[in-house]
Amino acid sequence: MWRYGFNEAGKLVKAPPMLLDWQVVHERMPWSIILLLGGGFALAKGSEVSGLSLWLGESLAPLQKIPPFAISLLLCLLVATFTECSSNTATTTLFLPILGSMASAIRLHPLYIMLPCTIAASLAFMLPVATPPNAIAFSFGNLKVLDMVRLS
């Protein structure tokens, strides 16, 4: 059995050189973008743990009077708008439990609402936080937020 740095006889084995060390990570990692994306995940988890997702889902129950197609369209517009200010992954993590609770409360199949809203969340292209490729392009420092908004 091989262990890190030692062979079966217990002799020290020369390990290959490291591909990545802390100095390289510290210099080249766009920490501000990672914290920005992580903040979206923290927001989503906090709303789930606190019960906010469940409460919002139940408070959307009056939508039962609207036809299901209109509910789906309205919620897709809401999710697509929200995902411009938050990462698409964090948006779906935040909204899908809410939409599932709401669909159960109004006796509608959850996939009828959750699937179109998941696809709508991937329509964000404007701000740096919207998608990981946008965050990577923005992290090089050559683009400003207004440049990204104009290009969209």
C-alpha atoms as a PDB file:
ATOM      1  CA  MET A   1       0.000   0.000   0.000  1.00  0.00           C
ATOM      2  CA  TRP A   2       1.345   3.367  -1.006  1.00  0.00           C
ATOM      3  CA  ARG A   3       1.124   6.308   1.289  1.00  0.00           C
ATOM      4  CA  TYR A   4       1.869   9.864   0.395  1.00  0.00           C
ATOM      5  CA  GLY A   5       5.654  10.195   0.261  1.00  0.00           C
ATOM      6  CA  PHE A   6       6.482   6.657   1.529  1.00  0.00           C
ATOM      7  CA  ASN A   7       6.569   3.212  -0.084  1.00  0.00           C
ATOM      8  CA  GLU A   8       5.631  -0.152   1.506  1.00  0.00           C
ATOM      9  CA  ALA A   9       9.095  -0.569   3.051  1.00  0.00           C
ATOM     10  CA  GLY A  10       8.765   2.795   4.764  1.00  0.00           C
ATOM     11  CA  LYS A  11      11.384   4.539   2.637  1.00  0.00           C
ATOM     12  CA  LEU A  12      10.818   8.105   1.539  1.00  0.00           C
ATOM     13  CA  VAL A  13       9.750   8.346  -2.114  1.00  0.00           C
ATOM     14  CA  LYS A  14      10.449  11.484  -4.113  1.00  0.00           C
ATOM     15  CA  ALA A  15       7.047  12.999  -4.842  1.00  0.00           C
ATOM     16  CA  PRO A  16       6.382  14.762  -8.137  1.00  0.00           C
ATOM     17  CA  PRO A  17       6.432  18.566  -8.033  1.00  0.00           C
ATOM     18  CA  MET A  18       3.209  20.330  -7.099  1.00  0.00           C
ATOM     19  CA  LEU A  19       1.067  21.627  -9.919  1.00  0.00           C
ATOM     20  CA  LEU A  20      -0.557  24.295  -7.789  1.00  0.00           C
ATOM     21  CA  ASP A  21       0.560  25.994  -4.614  1.00  0.00           C
ATOM     22  CA  TRP A  22      -0.951  28.599  -2.336  1.00  0.00           C
ATOM     23  CA  GLN A  23       1.082  31.464  -3.794  1.00  0.00           C
ATOM     24  CA  VAL A  24      -0.331  30.893  -7.296  1.00  0.00           C
ATOM     25  CA  VAL A  25      -3.881  30.517  -5.953  1.00  0.00           C
ATOM     26  CA  HIS A  26      -3.548  33.655  -3.835  1.00  0.00           C
ATOM     27  CA  GLU A  27      -2.250  35.753  -6.736  1.00  0.00           C
ATOM     28  CA  ARG A  28      -4.535  34.565  -9.535  1.00  0.00           C
ATOM     29  CA  MET A  29      -7.845  33.633  -7.901  1.00  0.00           C
ATOM     30  CA  PRO A  30     -10.597  36.252  -8.364  1.00  0.00           C
ATOM     31  CA  TRP A  31     -11.695  36.175  -4.708  1.00  0.00           C
ATOM     32  CA  SER A  32     -14.226  38.990  -5.073  1.00  0.00           C
ATOM     33  CA  ILE A  33     -16.141  37.051  -7.726  1.00  0.00           C
ATOM     34  CA  ILE A  34     -16.052  33.855  -5.682  1.00  0.00           C
ATOM     35  CA  LEU A  35     -17.404  35.708  -2.645  1.00  0.00           C
ATOM     36  CA  LEU A  36     -20.106  37.269  -4.816  1.00  0.00           C
ATOM     37  CA  LEU A  37     -21.241  33.871  -6.120  1.00  0.00           C
ATOM     38  CA  GLY A  38     -20.970  32.329  -2.647  1.00  0.00           C
ATOM     39  CA  GLY A  39     -23.178  35.087  -1.260  1.00  0.00           C
ATOM     40  CA  GLY A  40     -25.969  33.973  -3.578  1.00  0.00           C
ATOM     41  CA  PHE A  41     -25.676  30.404  -2.315  1.00  0.00           C
ATOM     42  CA  ALA A  42     -25.693  31.617   1.298  1.00  0.00           C
ATOM     43  CA  LEU A  43     -28.827  33.664   0.603  1.00  0.00           C
ATOM     44  CA  ALA A  44     -30.565  30.637  -0.884  1.00  0.00           C
ATOM     45  CA  LYS A  45     -29.620  28.341   2.000  1.00  0.00           C
ATOM     46  CA  GLY A  46     -30.594  30.940   4.598  1.00  0.00           C
ATOM     47  CA  SER A  47     -34.046  31.385   3.098  1.00  0.00           C
ATOM     48  CA  GLU A  48     -34.544  27.627   3.048  1.00  0.00           C
ATOM     49  CA  VAL A  49     -33.387  27.067   6.649  1.00  0.00           C
ATOM     50  CA  SER A  50     -35.328  30.027   8.051  1.00  0.00           C
ATOM     51  CA  GLY A  51     -38.584  28.882   6.473  1.00  0.00           C
ATOM     52  CA  LEU A  52     -38.818  31.905   4.183  1.00  0.00           C
ATOM     53  CA  SER A  53     -39.132  29.649   1.124  1.00  0.00           C
ATOM     54  CA  LEU A  54     -42.078  27.779   2.616  1.00  0.00           C
ATOM     55  CA  TRP A  55     -43.780  30.985   3.759  1.00  0.00           C
ATOM     56  CA  LEU A  56     -43.393  32.608   0.335  1.00  0.00           C
ATOM     57  CA  GLY A  57     -44.717  29.498  -1.378  1.00  0.00           C
ATOM     58  CA  GLU A  58     -47.821  29.498   0.791  1.00  0.00           C
ATOM     59  CA  SER A  59     -48.327  33.251   0.380  1.00  0.00           C
ATOM     60  CA  LEU A  60     -48.439  32.784  -3.400  1.00  0.00           C
ATOM     61  CA  ALA A  61     -51.510  30.546  -3.035  1.00  0.00           C
ATOM     62  CA  PRO A  62     -53.894  33.264  -4.336  1.00  0.00           C
ATOM     63  CA  LEU A  63     -52.373  32.615  -7.766  1.00  0.00           C
ATOM     64  CA  GLN A  64     -54.669  29.575  -7.898  1.00  0.00           C
ATOM     65  CA  LYS A  65     -57.336  31.758  -9.502  1.00  0.00           C
ATOM     66  CA  ILE A  66     -55.069  32.445 -12.519  1.00  0.00           C
ATOM     67  CA  PRO A  67     -54.776  29.899 -15.358  1.00  0.00           C
ATOM     68  CA  PRO A  68     -51.705  27.614 -15.008  1.00  0.00           C
ATOM     69  CA  PHE A  69     -50.101  28.910 -18.218  1.00  0.00           C
ATOM     70  CA  ALA A  70     -50.284  32.496 -16.947  1.00  0.00           C
ATOM     71  CA  ILE A  71     -48.845  31.442 -13.568  1.00  0.00           C
ATOM     72  CA  SER A  72     -45.920  29.796 -15.313  1.00  0.00           C
ATOM     73  CA  LEU A  73     -45.316  32.793 -17.569  1.00  0.00           C
ATOM     74  CA  LEU A  74     -45.540  35.283 -14.691  1.00  0.00           C
ATOM     75  CA  LEU A  75     -43.138  33.307 -12.518  1.00  0.00           C
ATOM     76  CA  CYS A  76     -40.718  32.832 -15.428  1.00  0.00           C
ATOM     77  CA  LEU A  77     -40.594  36.610 -15.864  1.00  0.00           C
ATOM     78  CA  LEU A  78     -39.973  37.028 -12.126  1.00  0.00           C
ATOM     79  CA  VAL A  79     -37.144  34.472 -12.105  1.00  0.00           C
ATOM     80  CA  ALA A  80     -35.563  35.860 -15.290  1.00  0.00           C
ATOM     81  CA  THR A  81     -35.578  39.351 -13.780  1.00  0.00           C
ATOM     82  CA  PHE A  82     -34.174  38.178 -10.445  1.00  0.00           C
ATOM     83  CA  THR A  83     -31.399  36.170 -12.061  1.00  0.00           C
ATOM     84  CA  GLU A  84     -29.960  39.321 -13.618  1.00  0.00           C
ATOM     85  CA  CYS A  85     -28.957  40.439 -10.101  1.00  0.00           C
ATOM     86  CA  SER A  86     -27.941  37.053  -8.745  1.00  0.00           C
ATOM     87  CA  SER A  87     -26.200  34.011 -10.179  1.00  0.00           C
ATOM     88  CA  ASN A  88     -28.457  31.642 -12.083  1.00  0.00           C
ATOM     89  CA  THR A  89     -27.495  28.749  -9.822  1.00  0.00           C
ATOM     90  CA  ALA A  90     -28.261  30.715  -6.670  1.00  0.00           C
ATOM     91  CA  THR A  91     -31.535  31.916  -8.169  1.00  0.00           C
ATOM     92  CA  THR A  92     -32.714  28.396  -8.909  1.00  0.00           C
ATOM     93  CA  THR A  93     -31.535  27.231  -5.483  1.00  0.00           C
ATOM     94  CA  LEU A  94     -33.583  30.018  -3.920  1.00  0.00           C
ATOM     95  CA  PHE A  95     -36.714  29.865  -6.054  1.00  0.00           C
ATOM     96  CA  LEU A  96     -37.280  26.163  -6.727  1.00  0.00           C
ATOM     97  CA  PRO A  97     -38.245  25.267  -3.137  1.00  0.00           C
ATOM     98  CA  ILE A  98     -40.585  28.285  -3.111  1.00  0.00           C
ATOM     99  CA  LEU A  99     -42.142  27.291  -6.419  1.00  0.00           C
ATOM    100  CA  GLY A 100     -42.492  23.665  -5.296  1.00  0.00           C
ATOM    101  CA  SER A 101     -44.301  24.745  -2.116  1.00  0.00           C
ATOM    102  CA  MET A 102     -46.532  27.080  -4.082  1.00  0.00           C
ATOM    103  CA  ALA A 103     -47.390  24.429  -6.668  1.00  0.00           C
ATOM    104  CA  SER A 104     -48.349  21.992  -3.928  1.00  0.00           C
ATOM    105  CA  ALA A 105     -50.444  24.650  -2.198  1.00  0.00           C
ATOM    106  CA  ILE A 106     -52.449  25.413  -5.362  1.00  0.00           C
ATOM    107  CA  ARG A 107     -52.671  21.723  -6.391  1.00  0.00           C
ATOM    108  CA  LEU A 108     -50.639  22.039  -9.580  1.00  0.00           C
ATOM    109  CA  HIS A 109     -47.923  19.618 -10.654  1.00  0.00           C
ATOM    110  CA  PRO A 110     -44.620  21.180  -9.468  1.00  0.00           C
ATOM    111  CA  LEU A 111     -42.756  20.445 -12.704  1.00  0.00           C
ATOM    112  CA  TYR A 112     -45.246  22.547 -14.657  1.00  0.00           C
ATOM    113  CA  ILE A 113     -43.854  25.601 -12.880  1.00  0.00           C
ATOM    114  CA  MET A 114     -40.370  24.556 -11.822  1.00  0.00           C
ATOM    115  CA  LEU A 115     -39.072  23.394 -15.213  1.00  0.00           C
ATOM    116  CA  PRO A 116     -39.876  26.598 -17.181  1.00  0.00           C
ATOM    117  CA  CYS A 117     -38.555  28.737 -14.324  1.00  0.00           C
ATOM    118  CA  THR A 118     -35.312  26.755 -14.252  1.00  0.00           C
ATOM    119  CA  ILE A 119     -34.867  27.403 -17.955  1.00  0.00           C
ATOM    120  CA  ALA A 120     -35.751  31.085 -17.462  1.00  0.00           C
ATOM    121  CA  ALA A 121     -33.018  31.369 -14.839  1.00  0.00           C
ATOM    122  CA  SER A 122     -30.427  30.530 -17.469  1.00  0.00           C
ATOM    123  CA  LEU A 123     -31.361  33.599 -19.528  1.00  0.00           C
ATOM    124  CA  ALA A 124     -29.139  35.959 -17.531  1.00  0.00           C
ATOM    125  CA  PHE A 125     -26.337  37.464 -19.563  1.00  0.00           C
ATOM    126  CA  MET A 126     -26.108  41.065 -18.438  1.00  0.00           C
ATOM    127  CA  LEU A 127     -24.261  41.450 -15.123  1.00  0.00           C
ATOM    128  CA  PRO A 128     -20.986  39.845 -13.994  1.00  0.00           C
ATOM    129  CA  VAL A 129     -22.676  37.802 -11.289  1.00  0.00           C
ATOM    130  CA  ALA A 130     -25.274  36.325 -13.637  1.00  0.00           C
ATOM    131  CA  THR A 131     -23.202  33.438 -15.008  1.00  0.00           C
ATOM    132  CA  PRO A 132     -19.751  32.034 -14.210  1.00  0.00           C
ATOM    133  CA  PRO A 133     -18.384  32.921 -17.683  1.00  0.00           C
ATOM    134  CA  ASN A 134     -19.465  36.534 -17.113  1.00  0.00           C
ATOM    135  CA  ALA A 135     -17.726  36.499 -13.736  1.00  0.00           C
ATOM    136  CA  ILE A 136     -14.533  35.145 -15.274  1.00  0.00           C
ATOM    137  CA  ALA A 137     -14.554  37.746 -18.063  1.00  0.00           C
ATOM    138  CA  PHE A 138     -15.232  40.532 -15.558  1.00  0.00           C
ATOM    139  CA  SER A 139     -12.510  39.377 -13.154  1.00  0.00           C
ATOM    140  CA  PHE A 140      -9.732  40.244 -15.614  1.00  0.00           C
ATOM    141  CA  GLY A 141     -10.478  43.925 -14.989  1.00  0.00           C
ATOM    142  CA  ASN A 142     -10.790  45.058 -18.599  1.00  0.00           C
ATOM    143  CA  LEU A 143     -14.597  45.366 -18.489  1.00  0.00           C
ATOM    144  CA  LYS A 144     -16.826  47.613 -16.442  1.00  0.00           C
ATOM    145  CA  VAL A 145     -20.379  46.734 -15.459  1.00  0.00           C
ATOM    146  CA  LEU A 146     -21.729  49.378 -17.845  1.00  0.00           C
ATOM    147  CA  ASP A 147     -19.776  47.747 -20.684  1.00  0.00           C
ATOM    148  CA  MET A 148     -21.433  44.425 -19.934  1.00  0.00           C
ATOM    149  CA  VAL A 149     -24.882  46.011 -19.783  1.00  0.00           C
ATOM    150  CA  ARG A 150     -24.322  47.751 -23.119  1.00  0.00           C
ATOM    151  CA  LEU A 151     -23.108  44.556 -24.788  1.00  0.00           C
ATOM    152  CA  SER A 152     -26.190  42.615 -23.716  1.00  0.00           C
END
